[in-house]
């Protein structure tokens, strides 16, 4: 509320933000601020899913919700109303179900309450029940392998706890997969307002599914904002590690860029190396004899141009789905080799820009960003679950496989 007081300039600005932002999170904020659940009965029947394109709320009903929310916000800002406390578990569950148009099981309420941080404090902040002595903390050295999203997140939380740590990163900077991948069209396939740290939100994403440069820039800012770079050894690789049971320590072997080797002895070793940052090139007959440039999307050769060339693309996974349409307008001919059916969920937000009014709402309207994150959380996890079930009547097509894959299939 205090942030909203400082941000609001005039009534026209607030009205514009409400027009540009989504109705379901607005409804949740209205109930959250006022405690009035009666409006849910009117709006909920028109919400059919967690995405903003899955609602059919009539314009006059949207206008009613927005006017009620505007009045509640002004009342809170001017001291005529105190925001209601965090709703009870029963009310939260009802709000969540009505906000996504789907059943939300009881056990998800505590999880989502933590994920969205709807209370006054971040429940994921590190709080010692009994803080160790300064010497005990100093002696408990931690080594993290990798300065991607997971490694930096762990580092930020260790720093919050006062535990000394060092990050070993093979690249020249942070970012992990978002630094290494630079193929045409590279971006998230999870909405980036959710694909970001809950304790370090970015309300200025230009798109709902932003591209690689925006993701990398966010990670770079995060490392700077939390002053993590001073803890990172760049251009250094971990060659191996052995655990000493008697001493309860890890001895970690490092190799620097100049070839020199070092060791570290630490109490805890945390691997955040990622899974897909080492491209796997299949053994394709004739590939070694191919005279043209050949490379994996995960190691895109930017020295090579595909303009006006005949290009073969093998695979239709996430990177293929992004690369193919991105280069198709420029190449002479694009031939795609697909071994098995691809899966993808249609989403009209994939290429959509984020309206300025929505950015303002995310930054300034109390709890709007929290409830919006819940919607995206649900849409990207359990909301997808029914579509991931195997159709019992579907049969694997009889497709040609190489010998290795044939053995795998038979096994």
Protein backbone atom coordinates (compact mmCIF):
# COMPACT_ATOMS: atom_id res chain seq x y z
CA UNK A 1 0.00 0.00 0.00
CA UNK A 2 2.83 2.41 0.84
CA UNK A 3 4.45 1.69 -2.53
CA UNK A 4 1.11 2.34 -4.22
CA UNK A 5 0.79 5.66 -2.40
CA UNK A 6 4.19 6.75 -3.65
CA UNK A 7 3.59 5.58 -7.22
CA UNK A 8 0.14 6.90 -8.04
CA UNK A 9 0.14 10.19 -9.91
CA UNK A 10 -3.47 10.68 -10.87
CA UNK A 11 -6.73 8.85 -11.31
CA UNK A 12 -6.32 8.65 -15.08
CA UNK A 13 -3.07 6.71 -14.65
CA UNK A 14 -4.75 4.19 -12.37
CA UNK A 15 -7.69 3.74 -14.73
CA UNK A 16 -5.32 3.20 -17.65
CA UNK A 17 -3.37 0.55 -15.73
CA UNK A 18 -6.56 -1.28 -14.80
CA UNK A 19 -7.72 -1.28 -18.42
CA UNK A 20 -4.39 -2.71 -19.59
CA UNK A 21 -4.00 -5.43 -16.97
CA UNK A 22 -5.76 -8.78 -16.58
CA UNK A 23 -9.15 -9.15 -14.95
CA UNK A 24 -8.57 -12.36 -12.94
CA UNK A 25 -5.62 -11.01 -10.87
CA UNK A 26 -7.61 -7.79 -10.41
CA UNK A 27 -10.49 -9.83 -9.03
CA UNK A 28 -8.13 -11.59 -6.62
CA UNK A 29 -6.67 -8.26 -5.46
CA UNK A 30 -10.16 -6.86 -4.92
CA UNK A 31 -11.15 -9.79 -2.69
CA UNK A 32 -7.76 -9.71 -0.97
CA UNK A 33 -8.04 -6.01 -0.11
CA UNK A 34 -11.70 -5.92 0.85
CA UNK A 35 -12.52 -9.43 2.06
CA UNK A 36 -15.68 -9.27 -0.07
CA UNK A 37 -16.11 -12.69 -1.71
CA UNK A 38 -19.57 -11.99 -3.15
CA UNK A 39 -18.08 -10.64 -6.37
CA UNK A 40 -16.52 -14.07 -6.99
CA UNK A 41 -19.97 -15.54 -7.61
CA UNK A 42 -20.51 -13.07 -10.44
CA UNK A 43 -17.15 -13.34 -12.17
CA UNK A 44 -15.97 -16.92 -11.59
CA UNK A 45 -18.36 -18.56 -14.12
CA UNK A 46 -16.63 -16.56 -16.87
CA UNK A 47 -13.08 -17.70 -16.03
CA UNK A 48 -12.30 -20.97 -17.79
CA UNK A 49 -8.56 -21.37 -17.27
CA UNK A 50 -5.43 -19.74 -15.85
CA UNK A 51 -4.38 -17.78 -18.95
CA UNK A 52 -5.76 -14.31 -19.63
CA UNK A 53 -7.20 -15.49 -22.96
CA UNK A 54 -9.32 -18.10 -21.16
CA UNK A 55 -11.89 -15.70 -19.75
CA UNK A 56 -15.16 -14.44 -21.20
CA UNK A 57 -16.02 -11.86 -18.56
CA UNK A 58 -18.57 -9.42 -20.08
CA UNK A 59 -17.27 -5.84 -20.53
CA UNK A 60 -19.80 -4.39 -18.07
CA UNK A 61 -18.74 -6.91 -15.39
CA UNK A 62 -15.07 -6.10 -15.99
CA UNK A 63 -15.89 -2.45 -15.57
CA UNK A 64 -17.63 -3.23 -12.28
CA UNK A 65 -14.62 -5.15 -10.92
CA UNK A 66 -12.22 -2.41 -11.98
CA UNK A 67 -14.28 0.36 -10.46
CA UNK A 68 -14.61 -1.52 -7.17
CA UNK A 69 -10.86 -2.18 -7.15
CA UNK A 70 -10.07 1.43 -8.02
CA UNK A 71 -12.23 2.65 -5.13
CA UNK A 72 -10.65 0.14 -2.71
CA UNK A 73 -7.15 1.18 -3.73
CA UNK A 74 -7.91 4.88 -3.33
CA UNK A 75 -9.52 4.22 0.06
CA UNK A 76 -6.42 2.31 1.21
CA UNK A 77 -4.06 4.98 -0.11
CA UNK A 78 -6.00 7.76 1.60
CA UNK A 79 -6.35 5.92 4.90
CA UNK A 80 -10.08 5.29 4.79
CA UNK A 81 -9.60 1.52 4.60
CA UNK A 82 -7.08 -0.89 6.06
CA UNK A 83 -6.26 -3.87 3.82
CA UNK A 84 -7.77 -7.13 4.99
CA UNK A 85 -5.33 -9.68 6.44
CA UNK A 86 -4.19 -12.65 4.39
CA UNK A 87 -7.38 -14.62 3.68
CA UNK A 88 -8.03 -17.87 5.51
CA UNK A 89 -7.10 -21.18 3.87
CA UNK A 90 -10.70 -21.81 2.81
CA UNK A 91 -11.07 -18.38 1.25
CA UNK A 92 -7.65 -18.64 -0.41
CA UNK A 93 -8.58 -21.96 -1.95
CA UNK A 94 -11.82 -20.50 -3.30
CA UNK A 95 -9.99 -17.47 -4.69
CA UNK A 96 -7.38 -19.67 -6.32
CA UNK A 97 -9.96 -21.95 -7.91
CA UNK A 98 -12.05 -19.06 -9.16
CA UNK A 99 -8.94 -17.24 -10.40
CA UNK A 100 -7.83 -20.12 -12.64
CA UNK A 101 -11.19 -21.69 -13.41
CA UNK A 102 -9.98 -25.10 -12.23
CA UNK A 103 -10.03 -27.17 -9.02
CA UNK A 104 -7.07 -26.50 -6.71
CA UNK A 105 -6.47 -29.31 -4.15
CA UNK A 106 -6.18 -28.43 -0.46
CA UNK A 107 -2.52 -29.39 -0.27
CA UNK A 108 -1.60 -26.75 -2.83
CA UNK A 109 -2.76 -23.83 -0.71
CA UNK A 110 0.34 -23.70 1.58
CA UNK A 111 2.62 -24.22 -1.44
CA UNK A 112 1.08 -21.40 -3.43
CA UNK A 113 0.89 -19.13 -0.39
CA UNK A 114 4.66 -19.58 -0.08
CA UNK A 115 5.30 -19.20 -3.81
CA UNK A 116 3.35 -15.96 -4.09
CA UNK A 117 4.49 -14.45 -0.76
CA UNK A 118 1.07 -12.95 -0.08
CA UNK A 119 1.95 -12.20 3.53
CA UNK A 120 4.06 -9.30 4.76
CA UNK A 121 7.35 -11.25 4.63
CA UNK A 122 8.97 -13.50 2.06
CA UNK A 123 8.48 -17.01 3.52
CA UNK A 124 11.60 -18.18 1.68
CA UNK A 125 13.87 -15.76 3.50
CA UNK A 126 16.55 -17.51 5.54
CA UNK A 127 15.85 -17.27 9.24
CA UNK A 128 17.98 -19.12 11.76
CA UNK A 129 16.05 -20.76 14.58
CA UNK A 130 19.33 -20.63 16.50
CA UNK A 131 22.08 -18.76 14.72
CA UNK A 132 25.46 -20.53 14.78
CA UNK A 133 28.50 -18.75 16.13
CA UNK A 134 30.51 -16.54 13.80
CA UNK A 135 33.33 -19.08 13.87
CA UNK A 136 31.03 -21.97 13.00
CA UNK A 137 29.68 -20.04 10.04
CA UNK A 138 33.16 -19.07 8.86
CA UNK A 139 34.31 -22.69 9.02
CA UNK A 140 31.40 -24.03 6.97
CA UNK A 141 32.68 -23.23 3.48
CA UNK A 142 30.48 -24.10 0.50
CA UNK A 143 31.43 -24.51 -3.15
CA UNK A 144 28.82 -24.11 -5.90
CA UNK A 145 29.45 -25.40 -9.43
CA UNK A 146 27.82 -23.13 -11.99
CA UNK A 147 26.68 -19.50 -12.10
CA UNK A 148 23.40 -20.02 -13.88
CA UNK A 149 19.97 -19.43 -12.35
CA UNK A 150 20.23 -22.25 -9.79
CA UNK A 151 23.79 -21.48 -8.72
CA UNK A 152 23.11 -17.76 -8.27
CA UNK A 153 19.89 -18.45 -6.37
CA UNK A 154 21.75 -20.73 -3.96
CA UNK A 155 24.48 -18.12 -3.59
CA UNK A 156 21.99 -15.39 -2.73
CA UNK A 157 20.41 -17.53 -0.03
CA UNK A 158 23.76 -18.64 1.43
CA UNK A 159 24.75 -14.98 1.55
CA UNK A 160 21.50 -14.20 3.35
CA UNK A 161 22.34 -16.91 5.90
CA UNK A 162 25.88 -15.65 6.39
CA UNK A 163 27.47 -18.86 5.10
CA UNK A 164 30.72 -18.38 3.12
CA UNK A 165 30.68 -19.71 -0.42
CA UNK A 166 32.51 -19.69 -3.72
CA UNK A 167 31.07 -20.28 -7.20
CA UNK A 168 33.13 -22.02 -9.88
CA UNK A 169 32.00 -21.05 -13.38
CA UNK A 170 33.55 -22.33 -16.62
CA UNK A 171 32.34 -19.35 -18.67
CA UNK A 172 33.56 -15.75 -18.60
CA UNK A 173 30.36 -14.45 -17.01
CA UNK A 174 27.11 -15.51 -15.35
CA UNK A 175 24.00 -16.83 -17.03
CA UNK A 176 24.59 -20.51 -17.68
CA UNK A 177 22.36 -21.71 -20.49
CA UNK A 178 21.13 -18.15 -21.11
CA UNK A 179 24.70 -17.05 -21.75
CA UNK A 180 25.69 -20.07 -23.82
CA UNK A 181 22.63 -20.33 -26.05
CA UNK A 182 22.29 -17.72 -28.76
CA UNK A 183 20.53 -19.48 -31.62
CA UNK A 184 17.96 -17.51 -33.65
CA UNK A 185 14.67 -17.13 -31.76
CA UNK A 186 16.15 -18.34 -28.46
CA UNK A 187 13.83 -17.52 -25.57
CA UNK A 188 11.70 -18.92 -22.80
CA UNK A 189 8.83 -21.32 -23.35
CA UNK A 190 7.62 -20.59 -19.81
CA UNK A 191 6.17 -17.11 -19.14
CA UNK A 192 9.02 -14.99 -17.83
CA UNK A 193 7.01 -13.27 -15.10
CA UNK A 194 7.10 -16.74 -13.53
CA UNK A 195 10.46 -17.82 -14.99
CA UNK A 196 12.27 -15.49 -12.59
CA UNK A 197 13.06 -15.47 -8.89
CA UNK A 198 10.08 -14.90 -6.60
CA UNK A 199 12.27 -12.73 -4.36
CA UNK A 200 13.70 -10.71 -7.27
CA UNK A 201 10.81 -10.06 -9.68
CA UNK A 202 11.21 -8.11 -12.90
CA UNK A 203 8.13 -6.08 -13.78
CA UNK A 204 9.66 -4.62 -16.94
CA UNK A 205 9.72 -7.70 -19.17
CA UNK A 206 9.01 -6.43 -22.71
CA UNK A 207 7.22 -9.63 -23.73
CA UNK A 208 5.29 -12.34 -21.95
CA UNK A 209 7.79 -14.86 -23.37
CA UNK A 210 10.95 -12.81 -23.68
CA UNK A 211 13.99 -13.66 -25.75
CA UNK A 212 17.41 -14.79 -24.65
CA UNK A 213 19.04 -11.35 -24.39
CA UNK A 214 16.38 -10.18 -21.92
CA UNK A 215 16.80 -13.31 -19.80
CA UNK A 216 20.58 -13.00 -19.76
CA UNK A 217 20.34 -9.30 -18.86
CA UNK A 218 18.03 -10.17 -15.94
CA UNK A 219 20.55 -12.71 -14.61
CA UNK A 220 23.40 -10.23 -15.00
CA UNK A 221 21.44 -7.62 -13.03
CA UNK A 222 20.62 -10.17 -10.36
CA UNK A 223 24.30 -11.02 -9.90
CA UNK A 224 25.11 -7.32 -9.56
CA UNK A 225 22.16 -6.45 -7.31
CA UNK A 226 23.14 -9.20 -4.86
CA UNK A 227 26.87 -8.47 -5.20
CA UNK A 228 27.66 -12.06 -6.16
CA UNK A 229 30.43 -11.59 -8.73
CA UNK A 230 33.11 -11.16 -6.07
CA UNK A 231 32.41 -14.76 -5.00
CA UNK A 232 32.75 -16.24 -8.50
CA UNK A 233 35.85 -17.80 -10.09
CA UNK A 234 35.19 -17.40 -13.81
CA UNK A 235 36.80 -19.44 -16.61
CA UNK A 236 37.52 -22.25 -14.18
CA UNK A 237 36.25 -25.82 -14.42
CA UNK A 238 35.69 -28.53 -11.82
CA UNK A 239 37.56 -31.67 -12.88
CA UNK A 240 36.50 -33.89 -10.01
CA UNK A 241 35.63 -34.13 -6.34
CA UNK A 242 36.16 -36.69 -3.58
CA UNK A 243 34.35 -36.93 -0.27
CA UNK A 244 36.30 -37.64 2.91
CA UNK A 245 33.92 -39.49 5.22
CA UNK A 246 36.14 -39.19 8.28
CA UNK A 247 36.57 -35.44 7.97
CA UNK A 248 33.15 -34.80 6.40
CA UNK A 249 34.70 -32.62 3.72
CA UNK A 250 34.88 -32.45 -0.07
CA UNK A 251 38.18 -32.02 -1.87
CA UNK A 252 37.40 -30.39 -5.20
CA UNK A 253 39.88 -30.30 -8.09
CA UNK A 254 39.83 -27.20 -10.30
CA UNK A 255 41.40 -26.31 -13.64
CA UNK A 256 41.92 -22.66 -14.57
CA UNK A 257 41.84 -21.20 -18.07
CA UNK A 258 45.65 -21.02 -18.11
CA UNK A 259 45.84 -24.77 -17.40
CA UNK A 260 46.96 -24.46 -13.80
CA UNK A 261 45.22 -26.69 -11.27
CA UNK A 262 44.04 -25.96 -7.74
CA UNK A 263 42.08 -27.71 -5.02
CA UNK A 264 39.43 -26.57 -2.60
CA UNK A 265 38.42 -28.27 0.64
CA UNK A 266 34.84 -27.44 1.59
CA UNK A 267 32.09 -28.67 3.88
CA UNK A 268 29.40 -28.73 1.21
CA UNK A 269 29.51 -29.15 -2.56
CA UNK A 270 26.50 -28.01 -4.57
CA UNK A 271 26.19 -28.87 -8.25
CA UNK A 272 24.25 -26.39 -10.38
CA UNK A 273 25.77 -27.45 -13.68
CA UNK A 274 22.59 -27.72 -15.72
CA UNK A 275 21.57 -30.67 -17.86
CA UNK A 276 21.57 -29.57 -21.48
CA UNK A 277 24.57 -27.27 -21.88
CA UNK A 278 26.81 -29.90 -23.47
CA UNK A 279 25.43 -30.50 -26.98
CA UNK A 280 24.97 -34.15 -27.93
CA UNK A 281 25.66 -34.79 -31.61
CA UNK A 282 24.13 -38.07 -32.83
CA UNK A 283 26.19 -40.48 -34.89
CA UNK A 284 24.62 -39.74 -38.26
CA UNK A 285 26.15 -41.68 -41.18
CA UNK A 286 27.88 -39.27 -43.55
CA UNK A 287 27.92 -36.32 -41.14
CA UNK A 288 31.73 -36.25 -40.99
CA UNK A 289 31.93 -36.14 -44.79
CA UNK A 290 29.50 -33.21 -45.06
CA UNK A 291 31.42 -30.27 -46.55
CA UNK A 292 29.24 -27.43 -45.31
CA UNK A 293 29.07 -25.91 -41.82
CA UNK A 294 27.31 -28.10 -39.24
CA UNK A 295 26.60 -27.17 -35.64
CA UNK A 296 24.16 -27.70 -32.78
CA UNK A 297 21.68 -25.00 -31.75
CA UNK A 298 23.31 -25.11 -28.31
CA UNK A 299 26.59 -24.03 -29.89
CA UNK A 300 25.32 -21.82 -32.71
CA UNK A 301 28.12 -20.66 -35.01
CA UNK A 302 27.46 -16.94 -35.44
CA UNK A 303 30.31 -16.71 -37.93
CA UNK A 304 28.13 -18.64 -40.37
CA UNK A 305 25.22 -17.06 -42.20
CA UNK A 306 22.22 -19.13 -43.28
CA UNK A 307 20.87 -16.41 -45.57
CA UNK A 308 20.02 -17.71 -49.06
CA UNK A 309 21.34 -21.19 -48.22
CA UNK A 310 19.74 -24.61 -48.23
CA UNK A 311 19.49 -25.58 -44.55
CA UNK A 312 18.67 -28.93 -42.96
CA UNK A 313 17.45 -28.87 -39.38
CA UNK A 314 17.36 -32.13 -37.44
CA UNK A 315 14.90 -32.18 -34.54
CA UNK A 316 11.75 -30.35 -33.57
CA UNK A 317 12.22 -29.84 -29.84
CA UNK A 318 11.98 -26.48 -28.09
CA UNK A 319 15.07 -25.00 -29.75
CA UNK A 320 14.03 -26.34 -33.14
CA UNK A 321 10.57 -24.84 -32.71
CA UNK A 322 12.18 -21.45 -32.09
CA UNK A 323 15.00 -21.66 -34.66
CA UNK A 324 13.00 -22.93 -37.64
CA UNK A 325 10.48 -20.09 -37.90
CA UNK A 326 13.23 -17.55 -37.13
CA UNK A 327 15.47 -18.51 -40.05
CA UNK A 328 12.80 -19.65 -42.53
CA UNK A 329 12.27 -16.19 -44.09
CA UNK A 330 15.99 -15.83 -44.85
CA UNK A 331 17.04 -19.23 -46.16
CA UNK A 332 16.70 -20.51 -49.72
CA UNK A 333 15.15 -23.74 -48.49
CA UNK A 334 14.58 -25.20 -45.03
CA UNK A 335 14.23 -28.98 -44.70
CA UNK A 336 13.25 -30.29 -41.27
CA UNK A 337 13.87 -33.88 -40.22
CA UNK A 338 11.47 -34.99 -37.51
CA UNK A 339 11.76 -38.42 -35.92
CA UNK A 340 8.71 -38.29 -33.68
CA UNK A 341 5.66 -36.04 -33.27
CA UNK A 342 6.32 -32.71 -31.64
CA UNK A 343 4.20 -31.35 -28.82
CA UNK A 344 3.41 -27.71 -28.15
CA UNK A 345 0.59 -25.81 -26.50
CA UNK A 346 -0.86 -22.94 -28.48
CA UNK A 347 -0.53 -19.66 -26.61
CA UNK A 348 -1.50 -16.33 -28.22
CA UNK A 349 0.72 -14.53 -25.69
CA UNK A 350 3.88 -16.12 -27.10
CA UNK A 351 4.70 -13.17 -29.38
CA UNK A 352 2.72 -10.55 -27.46
CA UNK A 353 4.26 -7.43 -25.94
CA UNK A 354 3.50 -6.43 -22.34
CA UNK A 355 1.43 -3.25 -22.26
CA UNK A 356 2.89 -0.31 -20.35
CA UNK A 357 -0.23 -0.13 -18.19
CA UNK A 358 0.24 -3.76 -17.19
CA UNK A 359 3.87 -3.08 -16.26
CA UNK A 360 2.66 -0.24 -14.03
CA UNK A 361 0.08 -2.50 -12.42
CA UNK A 362 2.70 -5.19 -11.74
CA UNK A 363 4.99 -2.64 -10.11
CA UNK A 364 2.47 -0.65 -8.11
CA UNK A 365 -0.93 -2.25 -7.51
CA UNK A 366 -0.73 -4.11 -4.19
CA UNK A 367 -0.72 -7.93 -4.59
CA UNK A 368 -1.36 -7.77 -8.35
CA UNK A 369 2.05 -9.24 -9.20
CA UNK A 370 1.58 -11.92 -6.53
CA UNK A 371 -1.73 -13.11 -7.93
CA UNK A 372 -0.50 -12.83 -11.50
CA UNK A 373 2.44 -15.06 -10.57
CA UNK A 374 0.03 -17.59 -9.08
CA UNK A 375 -1.90 -17.75 -12.34
CA UNK A 376 1.27 -18.35 -14.33
CA UNK A 377 2.49 -20.86 -11.74
CA UNK A 378 -0.68 -22.86 -12.13
CA UNK A 379 -0.81 -22.48 -15.91
CA UNK A 380 2.76 -23.73 -16.28
CA UNK A 381 2.49 -26.64 -13.84
CA UNK A 382 -0.67 -28.42 -12.74
CA UNK A 383 -2.80 -26.52 -15.21
CA UNK A 384 -0.89 -28.39 -17.93
CA UNK A 385 -1.13 -31.78 -16.27
CA UNK A 386 -4.24 -33.07 -18.09
CA UNK A 387 -2.61 -32.37 -21.46
CA UNK A 388 0.44 -34.44 -20.50
CA UNK A 389 -1.51 -37.67 -20.01
CA UNK A 390 -0.92 -40.48 -22.49
CA UNK A 391 -3.93 -41.29 -24.62
CA UNK A 392 -4.51 -45.03 -23.95
CA UNK A 393 -5.66 -45.47 -27.57
CA UNK A 394 -2.59 -43.80 -29.08
CA UNK A 395 0.00 -46.08 -30.58
CA UNK A 396 3.60 -45.25 -31.37
CA UNK A 397 3.88 -44.90 -35.15
CA UNK A 398 6.10 -47.39 -36.94
CA UNK A 399 8.94 -45.05 -37.83
CA UNK A 400 12.44 -45.76 -39.05
CA UNK A 401 15.00 -45.72 -36.25
CA UNK A 402 18.73 -46.31 -36.25
CA UNK A 403 20.10 -49.44 -34.60
CA UNK A 404 20.82 -47.79 -31.26
CA UNK A 405 17.34 -46.32 -30.93
CA UNK A 406 15.81 -49.60 -32.09
CA UNK A 407 17.52 -51.39 -29.19
CA UNK A 408 16.34 -48.69 -26.78
CA UNK A 409 12.79 -48.99 -28.05
CA UNK A 410 12.81 -52.78 -27.69
CA UNK A 411 14.25 -52.54 -24.18
